Amino acid sequence: MRVFSLFVVVAICLITATTSPQADQYKQCSADFDSCLKACDDEHGIDTAGRAACVPTCSGKYAACDAGVAYDKAKPWVEEQAGKTKKFFEDLMDRLKKEPAEPLDTPTGPDEPTKKSI
């Protein structure tokens, strides 16, 4: 029974992963890359010098597309973390306004440590 339930969970994960909007966007990036390479083949044929300039362009477009999909996927998390960081600093500044930090003891001589650093 345990193996069957594990199989069901894995199957559900695979089905949702392949039907997610990101999966469709990744497929579109791949299809655009394939069509770009086909255009390189059609335009340059066996001319390796011509293809040498065209193939990196296709690769760059694919990388940009892939990065855009990854950014879209990570954007909600990044925005959440930015909000938490902003709230942390706002709370810190509010607390410091209410309770100013104690001044540090200054050393009396150049080689004498402060009380706080001991």
C-alpha atoms as a PDB file:
ATOM      1  CA  MET A   1       0.000   0.000   0.000  1.00  0.00           C
ATOM      2  CA  ARG A   2       2.859   2.360   0.829  1.00  0.00           C
ATOM      3  CA  VAL A   3       4.490   1.816  -2.574  1.00  0.00           C
ATOM      4  CA  PHE A   4       1.195   2.493  -4.351  1.00  0.00           C
ATOM      5  CA  SER A   5       0.641   5.767  -2.475  1.00  0.00           C
ATOM      6  CA  LEU A   6       4.210   6.826  -3.279  1.00  0.00           C
ATOM      7  CA  PHE A   7       3.555   6.048  -6.949  1.00  0.00           C
ATOM      8  CA  VAL A   8       0.372   8.140  -6.895  1.00  0.00           C
ATOM      9  CA  VAL A   9       2.188  11.116  -5.328  1.00  0.00           C
ATOM     10  CA  VAL A  10       5.011  10.927  -7.882  1.00  0.00           C
ATOM     11  CA  ALA A  11       2.525  10.628 -10.753  1.00  0.00           C
ATOM     12  CA  ILE A  12       0.599  13.676  -9.559  1.00  0.00           C
ATOM     13  CA  CYS A  13       3.819  15.681  -9.249  1.00  0.00           C
ATOM     14  CA  LEU A  14       4.880  14.720 -12.765  1.00  0.00           C
ATOM     15  CA  ILE A  15       1.498  15.539 -14.257  1.00  0.00           C
ATOM     16  CA  THR A  16       1.330  18.962 -12.598  1.00  0.00           C
ATOM     17  CA  ALA A  17       4.948  19.708 -13.496  1.00  0.00           C
ATOM     18  CA  THR A  18       4.412  19.017 -17.179  1.00  0.00           C
ATOM     19  CA  THR A  19       1.171  20.993 -17.354  1.00  0.00           C
ATOM     20  CA  SER A  20       2.338  24.036 -15.404  1.00  0.00           C
ATOM     21  CA  PRO A  21       2.534  27.418 -17.145  1.00  0.00           C
ATOM     22  CA  GLN A  22       6.314  27.411 -16.666  1.00  0.00           C
ATOM     23  CA  ALA A  23       6.577  24.078 -18.469  1.00  0.00           C
ATOM     24  CA  ASP A  24       4.696  25.584 -21.404  1.00  0.00           C
ATOM     25  CA  GLN A  25       7.007  28.600 -21.384  1.00  0.00           C
ATOM     26  CA  TYR A  26      10.090  26.351 -21.300  1.00  0.00           C
ATOM     27  CA  LYS A  27       8.652  24.405 -24.250  1.00  0.00           C
ATOM     28  CA  GLN A  28       8.135  27.688 -26.106  1.00  0.00           C
ATOM     29  CA  CYS A  29      11.766  28.670 -25.429  1.00  0.00           C
ATOM     30  CA  SER A  30      12.879  25.310 -26.778  1.00  0.00           C
ATOM     31  CA  ALA A  31      10.665  25.609 -29.848  1.00  0.00           C
ATOM     32  CA  ASP A  32      11.984  29.120 -30.547  1.00  0.00           C
ATOM     33  CA  PHE A  33      15.551  27.813 -30.218  1.00  0.00           C
ATOM     34  CA  ASP A  34      14.860  24.957 -32.618  1.00  0.00           C
ATOM     35  CA  SER A  35      13.296  27.293 -35.179  1.00  0.00           C
ATOM     36  CA  CYS A  36      16.263  29.674 -34.857  1.00  0.00           C
ATOM     37  CA  LEU A  37      18.694  26.811 -35.505  1.00  0.00           C
ATOM     38  CA  LYS A  38      16.597  25.717 -38.494  1.00  0.00           C
ATOM     39  CA  ALA A  39      16.755  29.271 -39.857  1.00  0.00           C
ATOM     40  CA  CYS A  40      20.550  29.148 -39.431  1.00  0.00           C
ATOM     41  CA  ASP A  41      20.638  25.865 -41.364  1.00  0.00           C
ATOM     42  CA  ASP A  42      18.399  27.272 -44.098  1.00  0.00           C
ATOM     43  CA  GLU A  43      20.376  30.492 -44.410  1.00  0.00           C
ATOM     44  CA  HIS A  44      23.930  29.162 -44.136  1.00  0.00           C
ATOM     45  CA  GLY A  45      23.706  25.491 -45.078  1.00  0.00           C
ATOM     46  CA  ILE A  46      27.153  23.963 -44.716  1.00  0.00           C
ATOM     47  CA  ASP A  47      28.914  27.339 -44.402  1.00  0.00           C
ATOM     48  CA  THR A  48      30.520  26.885 -40.985  1.00  0.00           C
ATOM     49  CA  ALA A  49      31.689  30.493 -40.785  1.00  0.00           C
ATOM     50  CA  GLY A  50      28.146  31.754 -41.244  1.00  0.00           C
ATOM     51  CA  ARG A  51      26.789  29.276 -38.737  1.00  0.00           C
ATOM     52  CA  ALA A  52      29.516  30.275 -36.268  1.00  0.00           C
ATOM     53  CA  ALA A  53      27.864  33.687 -35.965  1.00  0.00           C
ATOM     54  CA  CYS A  54      24.278  32.470 -36.100  1.00  0.00           C
ATOM     55  CA  VAL A  55      24.288  29.606 -33.551  1.00  0.00           C
ATOM     56  CA  PRO A  56      25.543  31.720 -30.614  1.00  0.00           C
ATOM     57  CA  THR A  57      22.778  34.210 -31.341  1.00  0.00           C
ATOM     58  CA  CYS A  58      20.215  31.419 -31.040  1.00  0.00           C
ATOM     59  CA  SER A  59      21.843  30.218 -27.839  1.00  0.00           C
ATOM     60  CA  GLY A  60      21.769  33.716 -26.386  1.00  0.00           C
ATOM     61  CA  LYS A  61      18.090  34.114 -27.216  1.00  0.00           C
ATOM     62  CA  TYR A  62      17.365  30.736 -25.603  1.00  0.00           C
ATOM     63  CA  ALA A  63      19.316  31.682 -22.463  1.00  0.00           C
ATOM     64  CA  ALA A  64      17.438  34.988 -22.196  1.00  0.00           C
ATOM     65  CA  CYS A  65      14.093  33.226 -22.625  1.00  0.00           C
ATOM     66  CA  ASP A  66      15.010  30.574 -20.051  1.00  0.00           C
ATOM     67  CA  ALA A  67      16.180  33.212 -17.564  1.00  0.00           C
ATOM     68  CA  GLY A  68      12.944  35.140 -18.058  1.00  0.00           C
ATOM     69  CA  VAL A  69      10.878  32.061 -17.236  1.00  0.00           C
ATOM     70  CA  ALA A  70      13.004  31.381 -14.150  1.00  0.00           C
ATOM     71  CA  TYR A  71      12.623  35.012 -13.047  1.00  0.00           C
ATOM     72  CA  ASP A  72       8.856  34.870 -13.471  1.00  0.00           C
ATOM     73  CA  LYS A  73       8.824  31.751 -11.319  1.00  0.00           C
ATOM     74  CA  ALA A  74      11.042  33.293  -8.609  1.00  0.00           C
ATOM     75  CA  LYS A  75       9.506  36.786  -8.665  1.00  0.00           C
ATOM     76  CA  PRO A  76       6.845  36.184  -5.953  1.00  0.00           C
ATOM     77  CA  TRP A  77       9.466  34.768  -3.580  1.00  0.00           C
ATOM     78  CA  VAL A  78      11.877  37.640  -4.284  1.00  0.00           C
ATOM     79  CA  GLU A  79       9.130  40.194  -3.647  1.00  0.00           C
ATOM     80  CA  GLU A  80       8.211  38.441  -0.386  1.00  0.00           C
ATOM     81  CA  GLN A  81      11.833  38.478   0.786  1.00  0.00           C
ATOM     82  CA  ALA A  82      12.176  42.153  -0.139  1.00  0.00           C
ATOM     83  CA  GLY A  83       9.059  42.952   1.884  1.00  0.00           C
ATOM     84  CA  LYS A  84      10.376  41.034   4.891  1.00  0.00           C
ATOM     85  CA  THR A  85      13.731  42.807   4.660  1.00  0.00           C
ATOM     86  CA  LYS A  86      12.060  46.208   4.427  1.00  0.00           C
ATOM     87  CA  LYS A  87       9.868  45.432   7.450  1.00  0.00           C
ATOM     88  CA  PHE A  88      12.920  44.257   9.423  1.00  0.00           C
ATOM     89  CA  PHE A  89      14.752  47.536   8.850  1.00  0.00           C
ATOM     90  CA  GLU A  90      11.644  49.631   9.501  1.00  0.00           C
ATOM     91  CA  ASP A  91      11.100  47.813  12.815  1.00  0.00           C
ATOM     92  CA  LEU A  92      14.779  48.198  13.686  1.00  0.00           C
ATOM     93  CA  MET A  93      14.713  51.940  12.990  1.00  0.00           C
ATOM     94  CA  ASP A  94      11.488  52.359  14.996  1.00  0.00           C
ATOM     95  CA  ARG A  95      13.024  50.508  17.935  1.00  0.00           C
ATOM     96  CA  LEU A  96      16.194  52.603  17.768  1.00  0.00           C
ATOM     97  CA  LYS A  97      14.105  55.791  17.757  1.00  0.00           C
ATOM     98  CA  LYS A  98      12.341  54.642  20.935  1.00  0.00           C
ATOM     99  CA  GLU A  99      15.433  53.208  22.643  1.00  0.00           C
ATOM    100  CA  PRO A 100      18.653  54.792  21.392  1.00  0.00           C
ATOM    101  CA  ALA A 101      21.677  52.517  21.444  1.00  0.00           C
ATOM    102  CA  GLU A 102      24.196  52.935  24.247  1.00  0.00           C
ATOM    103  CA  PRO A 103      27.355  54.729  23.187  1.00  0.00           C
ATOM    104  CA  LEU A 104      30.472  52.588  23.013  1.00  0.00           C
ATOM    105  CA  ASP A 105      33.244  53.245  25.520  1.00  0.00           C
ATOM    106  CA  THR A 106      36.167  54.915  23.843  1.00  0.00           C
ATOM    107  CA  PRO A 107      39.736  53.870  24.664  1.00  0.00           C
ATOM    108  CA  THR A 108      41.790  56.268  26.738  1.00  0.00           C
ATOM    109  CA  GLY A 109      45.018  55.460  24.935  1.00  0.00           C
ATOM    110  CA  PRO A 110      46.016  54.121  21.521  1.00  0.00           C
ATOM    111  CA  ASP A 111      46.806  50.600  22.817  1.00  0.00           C
ATOM    112  CA  GLU A 112      44.191  50.345  25.551  1.00  0.00           C
ATOM    113  CA  PRO A 113      41.113  48.237  24.683  1.00  0.00           C
ATOM    114  CA  THR A 114      37.619  49.407  25.474  1.00  0.00           C
ATOM    115  CA  LYS A 115      35.569  47.776  28.210  1.00  0.00           C
ATOM    116  CA  LYS A 116      33.044  46.566  25.637  1.00  0.00           C
ATOM    117  CA  SER A 117      35.679  44.806  23.498  1.00  0.00           C
ATOM    118  CA  ILE A 118      37.030  42.700  26.383  1.00  0.00           C
END
